Amino acid sequence: MKRNLFIYIPLLIICLVTSYACKKTGTGFLSPYIHYEQSPIIIPKGRAFLSAGLNGDGTSQPFSVKVIHFYDKATGKIVDDMFSKTYPVSVWTGLYDPKTDTTLQLINAKLKTINVAPISINPSSGQILGNYGALQLPAGEYQFDLEIKNETGTKVYPKIGDFLLRDTTTFESIPTIGSTSETRIMVGNESKSVVGKPPLLTVTRVADTPNVITVKYKDKNGVFFNPKKGEIISRPAAGLNPNPPYLQSLQQYTKSYYYTDDASVFRFPFTPFPLNTLGNQFNIYQRIPTQFVHNDGLPDGMYSLNLRFPIRIYVPGSYLVVEQTIDAAHN
């Protein structure tokens, strides 16, 4: 009998070990320490925004996330209704190619308007997305809960997200992305120039629609130059046979524009606009030919007046840009 026990006990142990090894065990990992690296996340109201995703702390992929509630951090009040309301936003349905999508018709064919929430959470990564509709929300600090699920199970993370909706400008110009400049360039010798005083610049969002930038140039006395009569033209690039032949202008960023007696009006179909720089950051260059301008301290008929300003639009609407020289007069 003892001999049989010595035989069966090892066999039993082997069977138990084998059985345990073959048994399906729990898989994956769902960390209790999932978090956002930044807190609060700063979201500029009305601008297209995408945050970094969640730090999964080793959590098995893929995982999915779902918002349980949004809160006003100051009061603790649930504000789900505010964040569930949707607003019309333009989105791309195809890849934009500035080389081929050269008209509003071609660009609009790749855009469609959908109703979306102003702030949303990417269900695969936890990234926070913001859009133009956030202009309708009050500035302030907000929090949200997430339910996170993967193959291991499901866990609720109370107030894991914290973001600050901050009022900001609907565009960028001086001094954040550049400065104004004024250069007098000798007619017939583009290499010879005289630097003038920096012009004054005002940029104003004047209406929600349509999407246009109206640009006006005026002299030191408040007289506007007339682009319709050729008093405002593109500025040639330096060098022999430069390519492109002109420095960057709004005429290059949109093919839909027209002139009036005192303004150049440029239509734009999307934001940010310009989408990408064509060079020299987002500076816009124009020239006033010598016959239309008197440059203080220089003889008439010898120098053109060349002006520059930076602009980038982040929120749809109508904008008025006025650049004024302070040391030149209309002829």
C-alpha atoms as a PDB file:
ATOM      1  CA  MET A   1       0.000   0.000   0.000  1.00  0.00           C
ATOM      2  CA  LYS A   2       2.806   2.370   0.907  1.00  0.00           C
ATOM      3  CA  ARG A   3       4.452   1.508  -2.358  1.00  0.00           C
ATOM      4  CA  ASN A   4       1.260   2.448  -4.230  1.00  0.00           C
ATOM      5  CA  LEU A   5       1.090   5.741  -2.377  1.00  0.00           C
ATOM      6  CA  PHE A   6       4.631   6.576  -3.424  1.00  0.00           C
ATOM      7  CA  ILE A   7       3.569   5.916  -7.009  1.00  0.00           C
ATOM      8  CA  TYR A   8       0.213   7.767  -7.018  1.00  0.00           C
ATOM      9  CA  ILE A   9       1.171  10.887  -5.056  1.00  0.00           C
ATOM     10  CA  PRO A  10       3.796  12.056  -7.600  1.00  0.00           C
ATOM     11  CA  LEU A  11       1.352  11.292 -10.406  1.00  0.00           C
ATOM     12  CA  LEU A  12      -1.326  13.373  -8.662  1.00  0.00           C
ATOM     13  CA  ILE A  13       1.068  16.291  -8.260  1.00  0.00           C
ATOM     14  CA  ILE A  14       2.010  16.113 -11.934  1.00  0.00           C
ATOM     15  CA  CYS A  15      -1.665  16.100 -12.942  1.00  0.00           C
ATOM     16  CA  LEU A  16      -2.460  19.077 -10.717  1.00  0.00           C
ATOM     17  CA  VAL A  17       0.468  21.085 -12.081  1.00  0.00           C
ATOM     18  CA  THR A  18      -0.460  20.184 -15.634  1.00  0.00           C
ATOM     19  CA  SER A  19      -4.085  21.078 -15.020  1.00  0.00           C
ATOM     20  CA  TYR A  20      -3.130  24.473 -13.541  1.00  0.00           C
ATOM     21  CA  ALA A  21      -0.779  25.201 -16.423  1.00  0.00           C
ATOM     22  CA  CYS A  22      -3.476  24.477 -18.982  1.00  0.00           C
ATOM     23  CA  LYS A  23      -6.199  26.450 -17.215  1.00  0.00           C
ATOM     24  CA  LYS A  24      -6.991  29.871 -18.799  1.00  0.00           C
ATOM     25  CA  THR A  25      -5.903  32.658 -16.466  1.00  0.00           C
ATOM     26  CA  GLY A  26      -7.092  36.281 -16.318  1.00  0.00           C
ATOM     27  CA  THR A  27      -5.431  38.470 -18.973  1.00  0.00           C
ATOM     28  CA  GLY A  28      -4.540  42.128 -19.282  1.00  0.00           C
ATOM     29  CA  PHE A  29      -4.183  44.943 -16.802  1.00  0.00           C
ATOM     30  CA  LEU A  30      -6.314  47.961 -15.919  1.00  0.00           C
ATOM     31  CA  SER A  31      -4.281  50.368 -13.823  1.00  0.00           C
ATOM     32  CA  PRO A  32      -5.910  52.288 -10.986  1.00  0.00           C
ATOM     33  CA  TYR A  33      -3.442  55.111 -11.716  1.00  0.00           C
ATOM     34  CA  ILE A  34      -4.463  56.150 -15.242  1.00  0.00           C
ATOM     35  CA  HIS A  35      -4.128  59.927 -15.495  1.00  0.00           C
ATOM     36  CA  TYR A  36      -3.562  63.003 -17.652  1.00  0.00           C
ATOM     37  CA  GLU A  37      -0.034  64.394 -17.519  1.00  0.00           C
ATOM     38  CA  GLN A  38      -1.292  67.997 -17.539  1.00  0.00           C
ATOM     39  CA  SER A  39      -3.809  69.337 -15.066  1.00  0.00           C
ATOM     40  CA  PRO A  40      -5.566  71.550 -15.775  1.00  0.00           C
ATOM     41  CA  ILE A  41      -5.395  71.281 -19.548  1.00  0.00           C
ATOM     42  CA  ILE A  42      -5.612  74.777 -21.058  1.00  0.00           C
ATOM     43  CA  ILE A  43      -8.128  75.033 -23.918  1.00  0.00           C
ATOM     44  CA  PRO A  44      -8.366  78.336 -25.856  1.00  0.00           C
ATOM     45  CA  LYS A  45     -12.057  78.986 -26.495  1.00  0.00           C
ATOM     46  CA  GLY A  46     -13.166  78.747 -30.091  1.00  0.00           C
ATOM     47  CA  ARG A  47      -9.927  77.384 -31.525  1.00  0.00           C
ATOM     48  CA  ALA A  48      -9.396  73.889 -32.891  1.00  0.00           C
ATOM     49  CA  PHE A  49      -7.722  72.006 -30.043  1.00  0.00           C
ATOM     50  CA  LEU A  50      -6.414  68.496 -29.373  1.00  0.00           C
ATOM     51  CA  SER A  51      -4.787  67.533 -26.067  1.00  0.00           C
ATOM     52  CA  ALA A  52      -2.388  64.718 -25.295  1.00  0.00           C
ATOM     53  CA  GLY A  53      -4.048  61.422 -24.467  1.00  0.00           C
ATOM     54  CA  LEU A  54      -4.271  59.554 -21.182  1.00  0.00           C
ATOM     55  CA  ASN A  55      -1.200  58.048 -19.535  1.00  0.00           C
ATOM     56  CA  GLY A  56      -2.355  54.448 -19.197  1.00  0.00           C
ATOM     57  CA  ASP A  57       0.295  53.495 -16.607  1.00  0.00           C
ATOM     58  CA  GLY A  58       0.771  50.118 -18.288  1.00  0.00           C
ATOM     59  CA  THR A  59      -2.933  49.500 -18.928  1.00  0.00           C
ATOM     60  CA  SER A  60      -3.496  46.864 -21.610  1.00  0.00           C
ATOM     61  CA  GLN A  61      -4.451  48.182 -25.019  1.00  0.00           C
ATOM     62  CA  PRO A  62      -6.876  48.753 -26.526  1.00  0.00           C
ATOM     63  CA  PHE A  63      -9.043  50.484 -23.980  1.00  0.00           C
ATOM     64  CA  SER A  64     -12.155  52.592 -24.442  1.00  0.00           C
ATOM     65  CA  VAL A  65     -13.300  55.622 -22.492  1.00  0.00           C
ATOM     66  CA  LYS A  66     -16.693  57.170 -21.880  1.00  0.00           C
ATOM     67  CA  VAL A  67     -17.580  60.374 -20.051  1.00  0.00           C
ATOM     68  CA  ILE A  68     -19.877  59.889 -17.064  1.00  0.00           C
ATOM     69  CA  HIS A  69     -20.346  63.537 -16.011  1.00  0.00           C
ATOM     70  CA  PHE A  70     -18.924  67.013 -16.564  1.00  0.00           C
ATOM     71  CA  TYR A  71     -18.613  69.322 -13.527  1.00  0.00           C
ATOM     72  CA  ASP A  72     -18.141  73.014 -12.903  1.00  0.00           C
ATOM     73  CA  LYS A  73     -15.077  72.823 -10.670  1.00  0.00           C
ATOM     74  CA  ALA A  74     -15.911  76.000  -8.741  1.00  0.00           C
ATOM     75  CA  THR A  75     -19.362  74.801  -7.678  1.00  0.00           C
ATOM     76  CA  GLY A  76     -19.185  71.029  -8.107  1.00  0.00           C
ATOM     77  CA  LYS A  77     -22.403  71.213 -10.122  1.00  0.00           C
ATOM     78  CA  ILE A  78     -22.982  68.670 -12.893  1.00  0.00           C
ATOM     79  CA  VAL A  79     -23.078  70.534 -16.232  1.00  0.00           C
ATOM     80  CA  ASP A  80     -23.721  67.697 -18.688  1.00  0.00           C
ATOM     81  CA  ASP A  81     -26.396  69.684 -20.537  1.00  0.00           C
ATOM     82  CA  MET A  82     -23.934  72.447 -21.343  1.00  0.00           C
ATOM     83  CA  PHE A  83     -21.420  70.065 -22.888  1.00  0.00           C
ATOM     84  CA  SER A  84     -23.943  67.882 -24.703  1.00  0.00           C
ATOM     85  CA  LYS A  85     -25.381  70.746 -26.757  1.00  0.00           C
ATOM     86  CA  THR A  86     -24.116  70.687 -30.343  1.00  0.00           C
ATOM     87  CA  TYR A  87     -23.108  73.450 -32.748  1.00  0.00           C
ATOM     88  CA  PRO A  88     -22.397  73.494 -36.514  1.00  0.00           C
ATOM     89  CA  VAL A  89     -18.718  73.016 -37.367  1.00  0.00           C
ATOM     90  CA  SER A  90     -17.002  72.546 -40.738  1.00  0.00           C
ATOM     91  CA  VAL A  91     -14.943  69.358 -41.070  1.00  0.00           C
ATOM     92  CA  TRP A  92     -12.803  67.910 -43.845  1.00  0.00           C
ATOM     93  CA  THR A  93     -14.076  64.917 -45.820  1.00  0.00           C
ATOM     94  CA  GLY A  94     -10.914  64.641 -47.926  1.00  0.00           C
ATOM     95  CA  LEU A  95      -7.253  65.613 -47.868  1.00  0.00           C
ATOM     96  CA  TYR A  96      -6.660  69.289 -48.606  1.00  0.00           C
ATOM     97  CA  ASP A  97      -3.994  69.934 -51.250  1.00  0.00           C
ATOM     98  CA  PRO A  98      -3.128  73.630 -51.671  1.00  0.00           C
ATOM     99  CA  LYS A  99      -1.534  72.890 -55.055  1.00  0.00           C
ATOM    100  CA  THR A 100      -4.733  71.535 -56.592  1.00  0.00           C
ATOM    101  CA  ASP A 101      -7.509  72.860 -54.336  1.00  0.00           C
ATOM    102  CA  THR A 102      -7.144  76.381 -55.637  1.00  0.00           C
ATOM    103  CA  THR A 103     -10.756  77.594 -55.704  1.00  0.00           C
ATOM    104  CA  LEU A 104     -13.471  77.919 -53.090  1.00  0.00           C
ATOM    105  CA  GLN A 105     -15.567  75.458 -55.080  1.00  0.00           C
ATOM    106  CA  LEU A 106     -12.861  72.775 -54.961  1.00  0.00           C
ATOM    107  CA  ILE A 107     -12.186  73.396 -51.281  1.00  0.00           C
ATOM    108  CA  ASN A 108     -15.854  73.427 -50.298  1.00  0.00           C
ATOM    109  CA  ALA A 109     -16.293  70.080 -52.060  1.00  0.00           C
ATOM    110  CA  LYS A 110     -14.036  68.607 -49.364  1.00  0.00           C
ATOM    111  CA  LEU A 111     -15.805  70.314 -46.472  1.00  0.00           C
ATOM    112  CA  LYS A 112     -19.090  69.536 -44.797  1.00  0.00           C
ATOM    113  CA  THR A 113     -20.914  71.013 -41.837  1.00  0.00           C
ATOM    114  CA  ILE A 114     -21.868  68.752 -38.957  1.00  0.00           C
ATOM    115  CA  ASN A 115     -23.305  69.392 -35.507  1.00  0.00           C
ATOM    116  CA  VAL A 116     -20.883  68.403 -32.761  1.00  0.00           C
ATOM    117  CA  ALA A 117     -20.351  69.108 -29.084  1.00  0.00           C
ATOM    118  CA  PRO A 118     -17.893  71.958 -28.412  1.00  0.00           C
ATOM    119  CA  ILE A 119     -15.782  69.772 -26.117  1.00  0.00           C
ATOM    120  CA  SER A 120     -15.518  66.006 -26.553  1.00  0.00           C
ATOM    121  CA  ILE A 121     -13.317  63.131 -25.389  1.00  0.00           C
ATOM    122  CA  ASN A 122     -11.750  60.735 -27.888  1.00  0.00           C
ATOM    123  CA  PRO A 123     -13.160  57.292 -26.983  1.00  0.00           C
ATOM    124  CA  SER A 124      -9.918  55.475 -27.862  1.00  0.00           C
ATOM    125  CA  SER A 125      -7.260  57.708 -26.330  1.00  0.00           C
ATOM    126  CA  GLY A 126      -8.942  60.098 -23.902  1.00  0.00           C
ATOM    127  CA  GLN A 127      -7.691  63.117 -25.855  1.00  0.00           C
ATOM    128  CA  ILE A 128      -9.761  66.257 -25.307  1.00  0.00           C
ATOM    129  CA  LEU A 129     -11.010  67.911 -28.493  1.00  0.00           C
ATOM    130  CA  GLY A 130     -12.203  71.494 -28.722  1.00  0.00           C
ATOM    131  CA  ASN A 131     -13.724  73.394 -31.633  1.00  0.00           C
ATOM    132  CA  TYR A 132     -15.322  76.670 -32.692  1.00  0.00           C
ATOM    133  CA  GLY A 133     -18.497  75.876 -30.718  1.00  0.00           C
ATOM    134  CA  ALA A 134     -16.601  76.396 -27.444  1.00  0.00           C
ATOM    135  CA  LEU A 135     -17.081  80.136 -27.993  1.00  0.00           C
ATOM    136  CA  GLN A 136     -20.632  79.516 -26.772  1.00  0.00           C
ATOM    137  CA  LEU A 137     -19.436  78.166 -23.402  1.00  0.00           C
ATOM    138  CA  PRO A 138     -18.574  80.263 -20.352  1.00  0.00           C
ATOM    139  CA  ALA A 139     -14.898  80.463 -19.507  1.00  0.00           C
ATOM    140  CA  GLY A 140     -13.899  78.573 -16.388  1.00  0.00           C
ATOM    141  CA  GLU A 141     -12.454  75.357 -15.004  1.00  0.00           C
ATOM    142  CA  TYR A 142     -14.252  72.065 -15.521  1.00  0.00           C
ATOM    143  CA  GLN A 143     -13.768  68.413 -14.588  1.00  0.00           C
ATOM    144  CA  PHE A 144     -15.110  65.095 -15.845  1.00  0.00           C
ATOM    145  CA  ASP A 145     -15.360  61.438 -14.822  1.00  0.00           C
ATOM    146  CA  LEU A 146     -14.330  58.652 -17.177  1.00  0.00           C
ATOM    147  CA  GLU A 147     -15.428  55.049 -17.397  1.00  0.00           C
ATOM    148  CA  ILE A 148     -12.464  53.122 -18.821  1.00  0.00           C
ATOM    149  CA  LYS A 149     -12.841  49.587 -20.135  1.00  0.00           C
ATOM    150  CA  ASN A 150     -10.493  46.958 -21.559  1.00  0.00           C
ATOM    151  CA  GLU A 151     -10.237  43.152 -21.644  1.00  0.00           C
ATOM    152  CA  THR A 152      -9.594  43.104 -17.905  1.00  0.00           C
ATOM    153  CA  GLY A 153     -12.755  44.899 -16.910  1.00  0.00           C
ATOM    154  CA  THR A 154     -14.292  48.307 -16.291  1.00  0.00           C
ATOM    155  CA  LYS A 155     -13.398  51.033 -13.825  1.00  0.00           C
ATOM    156  CA  VAL A 156     -14.746  54.528 -13.153  1.00  0.00           C
ATOM    157  CA  TYR A 157     -12.184  57.289 -12.539  1.00  0.00           C
ATOM    158  CA  PRO A 158     -13.921  60.183 -10.747  1.00  0.00           C
ATOM    159  CA  LYS A 159     -12.920  63.666 -11.937  1.00  0.00           C
ATOM    160  CA  ILE A 160      -9.865  62.318 -13.717  1.00  0.00           C
ATOM    161  CA  GLY A 161      -9.984  65.175 -16.241  1.00  0.00           C
ATOM    162  CA  ASP A 162      -9.492  68.846 -15.423  1.00  0.00           C
ATOM    163  CA  PHE A 163      -9.499  71.535 -18.100  1.00  0.00           C
ATOM    164  CA  LEU A 164      -9.569  75.306 -18.179  1.00  0.00           C
ATOM    165  CA  LEU A 165     -11.621  76.994 -20.897  1.00  0.00           C
ATOM    166  CA  ARG A 166      -9.810  80.271 -21.436  1.00  0.00           C
ATOM    167  CA  ASP A 167     -10.948  83.351 -23.341  1.00  0.00           C
ATOM    168  CA  THR A 168      -8.437  84.226 -26.020  1.00  0.00           C
ATOM    169  CA  THR A 169      -8.118  86.147 -29.262  1.00  0.00           C
ATOM    170  CA  THR A 170      -9.750  84.713 -32.351  1.00  0.00           C
ATOM    171  CA  PHE A 171      -6.583  85.454 -34.347  1.00  0.00           C
ATOM    172  CA  GLU A 172      -2.859  85.983 -33.927  1.00  0.00           C
ATOM    173  CA  SER A 173      -0.914  88.967 -35.170  1.00  0.00           C
ATOM    174  CA  ILE A 174       1.556  91.369 -33.546  1.00  0.00           C
ATOM    175  CA  PRO A 175       3.429  90.697 -31.354  1.00  0.00           C
ATOM    176  CA  THR A 176       2.828  86.948 -30.941  1.00  0.00           C
ATOM    177  CA  ILE A 177       3.681  85.827 -34.484  1.00  0.00           C
ATOM    178  CA  GLY A 178       5.645  88.748 -35.875  1.00  0.00           C
ATOM    179  CA  SER A 179       5.813  92.496 -36.319  1.00  0.00           C
ATOM    180  CA  THR A 180       4.947  95.165 -38.849  1.00  0.00           C
ATOM    181  CA  SER A 181       7.646  96.656 -41.031  1.00  0.00           C
ATOM    182  CA  GLU A 182       8.089  99.371 -43.640  1.00  0.00           C
ATOM    183  CA  THR A 183      10.820  99.383 -46.270  1.00  0.00           C
ATOM    184  CA  ARG A 184      11.381 101.981 -48.987  1.00  0.00           C
ATOM    185  CA  ILE A 185      12.995 100.280 -52.003  1.00  0.00           C
ATOM    186  CA  MET A 186      14.700 102.164 -54.826  1.00  0.00           C
ATOM    187  CA  VAL A 187      13.032 101.876 -58.212  1.00  0.00           C
ATOM    188  CA  GLY A 188      15.325 100.000 -60.603  1.00  0.00           C
ATOM    189  CA  ASN A 189      17.633  98.786 -57.834  1.00  0.00           C
ATOM    190  CA  GLU A 190      15.844  96.414 -55.463  1.00  0.00           C
ATOM    191  CA  SER A 191      19.046  95.897 -53.460  1.00  0.00           C
ATOM    192  CA  LYS A 192      18.982  99.487 -52.191  1.00  0.00           C
ATOM    193  CA  SER A 193      16.478 100.238 -49.446  1.00  0.00           C
ATOM    194  CA  VAL A 194      15.731 102.541 -46.541  1.00  0.00           C
ATOM    195  CA  VAL A 195      13.930 101.277 -43.443  1.00  0.00           C
ATOM    196  CA  GLY A 196      10.951 103.365 -42.358  1.00  0.00           C
ATOM    197  CA  LYS A 197       9.130 103.555 -39.052  1.00  0.00           C
ATOM    198  CA  PRO A 198       7.034 100.500 -38.069  1.00  0.00           C
ATOM    199  CA  PRO A 199       3.449 101.007 -39.288  1.00  0.00           C
ATOM    200  CA  LEU A 200       0.444 100.927 -36.982  1.00  0.00           C
ATOM    201  CA  LEU A 201      -1.782  97.843 -37.216  1.00  0.00           C
ATOM    202  CA  THR A 202      -5.298  97.092 -36.013  1.00  0.00           C
ATOM    203  CA  VAL A 203      -7.082  93.760 -36.464  1.00  0.00           C
ATOM    204  CA  THR A 204     -10.754  93.480 -35.495  1.00  0.00           C
ATOM    205  CA  ARG A 205     -13.276  90.652 -35.756  1.00  0.00           C
ATOM    206  CA  VAL A 206     -16.342  92.559 -36.915  1.00  0.00           C
ATOM    207  CA  ALA A 207     -18.931  89.808 -37.570  1.00  0.00           C
ATOM    208  CA  ASP A 208     -19.584  86.072 -37.294  1.00  0.00           C
ATOM    209  CA  THR A 209     -20.151  85.744 -41.042  1.00  0.00           C
ATOM    210  CA  PRO A 210     -19.074  85.677 -43.811  1.00  0.00           C
ATOM    211  CA  ASN A 211     -15.510  84.360 -43.635  1.00  0.00           C
ATOM    212  CA  VAL A 212     -13.548  87.278 -45.101  1.00  0.00           C
ATOM    213  CA  ILE A 213     -10.480  89.366 -44.319  1.00  0.00           C
ATOM    214  CA  THR A 214     -10.808  92.993 -45.422  1.00  0.00           C
ATOM    215  CA  VAL A 215      -7.409  94.698 -45.644  1.00  0.00           C
ATOM    216  CA  LYS A 216      -6.965  98.463 -45.853  1.00  0.00           C
ATOM    217  CA  TYR A 217      -3.773 100.503 -46.118  1.00  0.00           C
ATOM    218  CA  LYS A 218      -3.766 104.186 -45.242  1.00  0.00           C
ATOM    219  CA  ASP A 219      -1.228 106.978 -45.176  1.00  0.00           C
ATOM    220  CA  LYS A 220      -0.141 109.080 -42.214  1.00  0.00           C
ATOM    221  CA  ASN A 221      -3.047 111.475 -42.821  1.00  0.00           C
ATOM    222  CA  GLY A 222      -5.686 108.747 -42.824  1.00  0.00           C
ATOM    223  CA  VAL A 223      -6.115 108.611 -46.619  1.00  0.00           C
ATOM    224  CA  PHE A 224      -6.674 105.069 -47.924  1.00  0.00           C
ATOM    225  CA  PHE A 225      -4.728 103.686 -50.864  1.00  0.00           C
ATOM    226  CA  ASN A 226      -6.847 102.319 -53.715  1.00  0.00           C
ATOM    227  CA  PRO A 227      -6.049  98.710 -54.712  1.00  0.00           C
ATOM    228  CA  LYS A 228      -8.612  98.908 -57.517  1.00  0.00           C
ATOM    229  CA  LYS A 229      -6.381 101.497 -59.233  1.00  0.00           C
ATOM    230  CA  GLY A 230      -3.187  99.510 -58.700  1.00  0.00           C
ATOM    231  CA  GLU A 231      -2.037 101.515 -55.682  1.00  0.00           C
ATOM    232  CA  ILE A 232      -1.499  98.239 -53.773  1.00  0.00           C
ATOM    233  CA  ILE A 233       0.370  95.435 -55.576  1.00  0.00           C
ATOM    234  CA  SER A 234       2.376  92.300 -54.758  1.00  0.00           C
ATOM    235  CA  ARG A 235       5.958  92.786 -53.617  1.00  0.00           C
ATOM    236  CA  PRO A 236       8.586  91.116 -55.843  1.00  0.00           C
ATOM    237  CA  ALA A 237      10.937  88.647 -54.171  1.00  0.00           C
ATOM    238  CA  ALA A 238      14.644  89.474 -54.104  1.00  0.00           C
ATOM    239  CA  GLY A 239      17.219  87.981 -56.470  1.00  0.00           C
ATOM    240  CA  LEU A 240      17.379  87.041 -60.132  1.00  0.00           C
ATOM    241  CA  ASN A 241      14.408  85.030 -61.413  1.00  0.00           C
ATOM    242  CA  PRO A 242      13.119  84.154 -57.926  1.00  0.00           C
ATOM    243  CA  ASN A 243      10.639  81.305 -57.548  1.00  0.00           C
ATOM    244  CA  PRO A 244       8.012  82.199 -56.496  1.00  0.00           C
ATOM    245  CA  PRO A 245       8.382  85.657 -58.034  1.00  0.00           C
ATOM    246  CA  TYR A 246       6.556  87.480 -55.219  1.00  0.00           C
ATOM    247  CA  LEU A 247       6.729  87.507 -51.445  1.00  0.00           C
ATOM    248  CA  GLN A 248       3.828  85.969 -49.557  1.00  0.00           C
ATOM    249  CA  SER A 249       0.490  87.752 -49.764  1.00  0.00           C
ATOM    250  CA  LEU A 250      -3.116  86.888 -49.051  1.00  0.00           C
ATOM    251  CA  GLN A 251      -3.581  86.642 -52.828  1.00  0.00           C
ATOM    252  CA  GLN A 252      -1.406  83.517 -52.660  1.00  0.00           C
ATOM    253  CA  TYR A 253      -3.294  81.967 -49.752  1.00  0.00           C
ATOM    254  CA  THR A 254      -6.728  82.307 -51.357  1.00  0.00           C
ATOM    255  CA  LYS A 255      -7.730  82.638 -54.988  1.00  0.00           C
ATOM    256  CA  SER A 256     -11.066  84.187 -54.058  1.00  0.00           C
ATOM    257  CA  TYR A 257     -10.676  87.940 -53.576  1.00  0.00           C
ATOM    258  CA  TYR A 258     -11.738  91.279 -55.006  1.00  0.00           C
ATOM    259  CA  TYR A 259     -10.806  94.951 -54.730  1.00  0.00           C
ATOM    260  CA  THR A 260     -12.770  98.060 -53.828  1.00  0.00           C
ATOM    261  CA  ASP A 261     -11.733 101.714 -53.862  1.00  0.00           C
ATOM    262  CA  ASP A 262     -10.176 101.435 -50.410  1.00  0.00           C
ATOM    263  CA  ALA A 263      -9.843  97.727 -49.561  1.00  0.00           C
ATOM    264  CA  SER A 264      -8.804  94.255 -50.642  1.00  0.00           C
ATOM    265  CA  VAL A 265     -11.312  91.582 -49.585  1.00  0.00           C
ATOM    266  CA  PHE A 266     -10.189  87.959 -49.219  1.00  0.00           C
ATOM    267  CA  ARG A 267     -12.552  85.022 -48.718  1.00  0.00           C
ATOM    268  CA  PHE A 268     -11.344  82.045 -46.685  1.00  0.00           C
ATOM    269  CA  PRO A 269     -13.186  78.719 -46.362  1.00  0.00           C
ATOM    270  CA  PHE A 270     -11.641  77.206 -43.227  1.00  0.00           C
ATOM    271  CA  THR A 271      -9.623  77.895 -40.105  1.00  0.00           C
ATOM    272  CA  PRO A 272      -6.894  78.217 -39.155  1.00  0.00           C
ATOM    273  CA  PHE A 273      -6.202  80.484 -42.092  1.00  0.00           C
ATOM    274  CA  PRO A 274      -3.657  80.388 -43.520  1.00  0.00           C
ATOM    275  CA  LEU A 275      -3.512  76.652 -42.838  1.00  0.00           C
ATOM    276  CA  ASN A 276       0.239  76.443 -43.457  1.00  0.00           C
ATOM    277  CA  THR A 277       2.867  79.060 -44.146  1.00  0.00           C
ATOM    278  CA  LEU A 278       4.206  79.534 -47.665  1.00  0.00           C
ATOM    279  CA  GLY A 279       7.394  80.933 -46.147  1.00  0.00           C
ATOM    280  CA  ASN A 280       8.388  83.825 -43.867  1.00  0.00           C
ATOM    281  CA  GLN A 281       6.020  82.570 -41.159  1.00  0.00           C
ATOM    282  CA  PHE A 282       2.590  84.193 -41.606  1.00  0.00           C
ATOM    283  CA  ASN A 283       3.809  87.581 -42.805  1.00  0.00           C
ATOM    284  CA  ILE A 284       1.841  89.355 -45.529  1.00  0.00           C
ATOM    285  CA  TYR A 285       3.752  91.623 -47.931  1.00  0.00           C
ATOM    286  CA  GLN A 286       2.440  94.347 -50.258  1.00  0.00           C
ATOM    287  CA  ARG A 287       3.917  97.247 -52.221  1.00  0.00           C
ATOM    288  CA  ILE A 288       2.728 100.780 -52.927  1.00  0.00           C
ATOM    289  CA  PRO A 289       4.368 101.916 -56.191  1.00  0.00           C
ATOM    290  CA  THR A 290       6.400 105.121 -56.083  1.00  0.00           C
ATOM    291  CA  GLN A 291       3.959 107.200 -58.163  1.00  0.00           C
ATOM    292  CA  PHE A 292       1.288 106.817 -55.484  1.00  0.00           C
ATOM    293  CA  VAL A 293       3.323 107.698 -52.387  1.00  0.00           C
ATOM    294  CA  HIS A 294       5.498 110.427 -50.910  1.00  0.00           C
ATOM    295  CA  ASN A 295       8.049 108.964 -48.477  1.00  0.00           C
ATOM    296  CA  ASP A 296       9.125 111.466 -45.840  1.00  0.00           C
ATOM    297  CA  GLY A 297      12.772 112.442 -46.246  1.00  0.00           C
ATOM    298  CA  LEU A 298      13.135 110.885 -49.707  1.00  0.00           C
ATOM    299  CA  PRO A 299      12.692 112.340 -53.210  1.00  0.00           C
ATOM    300  CA  ASP A 300       9.445 111.524 -55.003  1.00  0.00           C
ATOM    301  CA  GLY A 301       9.470 109.045 -57.854  1.00  0.00           C
ATOM    302  CA  MET A 302      12.474 107.101 -56.600  1.00  0.00           C
ATOM    303  CA  TYR A 303      11.271 104.726 -53.868  1.00  0.00           C
ATOM    304  CA  SER A 304       8.325 102.373 -53.514  1.00  0.00           C
ATOM    305  CA  LEU A 305       6.738 101.830 -50.101  1.00  0.00           C
ATOM    306  CA  ASN A 306       6.714  98.196 -48.938  1.00  0.00           C
ATOM    307  CA  LEU A 307       4.588  97.166 -45.972  1.00  0.00           C
ATOM    308  CA  ARG A 308       4.351  93.952 -43.953  1.00  0.00           C
ATOM    309  CA  PHE A 309       2.067  92.593 -41.261  1.00  0.00           C
ATOM    310  CA  PRO A 310       1.503  89.113 -39.746  1.00  0.00           C
ATOM    311  CA  ILE A 311      -1.928  87.459 -39.514  1.00  0.00           C
ATOM    312  CA  ARG A 312      -3.419  84.051 -38.781  1.00  0.00           C
ATOM    313  CA  ILE A 313      -7.150  83.502 -38.223  1.00  0.00           C
ATOM    314  CA  TYR A 314      -8.325  80.785 -35.801  1.00  0.00           C
ATOM    315  CA  VAL A 315     -12.069  81.395 -35.579  1.00  0.00           C
ATOM    316  CA  PRO A 316     -14.440  81.833 -38.541  1.00  0.00           C
ATOM    317  CA  GLY A 317     -15.885  85.287 -39.125  1.00  0.00           C
ATOM    318  CA  SER A 318     -15.292  88.659 -40.777  1.00  0.00           C
ATOM    319  CA  TYR A 319     -12.079  90.502 -39.944  1.00  0.00           C
ATOM    320  CA  LEU A 320     -10.920  94.044 -40.674  1.00  0.00           C
ATOM    321  CA  VAL A 321      -7.168  94.671 -40.941  1.00  0.00           C
ATOM    322  CA  VAL A 322      -5.929  98.274 -41.185  1.00  0.00           C
ATOM    323  CA  GLU A 323      -2.225  99.054 -41.592  1.00  0.00           C
ATOM    324  CA  GLN A 324      -1.201 102.706 -41.425  1.00  0.00           C
ATOM    325  CA  THR A 325       2.151 104.202 -42.340  1.00  0.00           C
ATOM    326  CA  ILE A 326       3.241 107.046 -40.068  1.00  0.00           C
ATOM    327  CA  ASP A 327       5.911 108.557 -42.308  1.00  0.00           C
ATOM    328  CA  ALA A 328       4.447 108.464 -45.815  1.00  0.00           C
ATOM    329  CA  ALA A 329       1.581 110.234 -47.590  1.00  0.00           C
ATOM    330  CA  HIS A 330      -0.649 109.420 -50.526  1.00  0.00           C
ATOM    331  CA  ASN A 331       0.365 111.153 -53.760  1.00  0.00           C
END
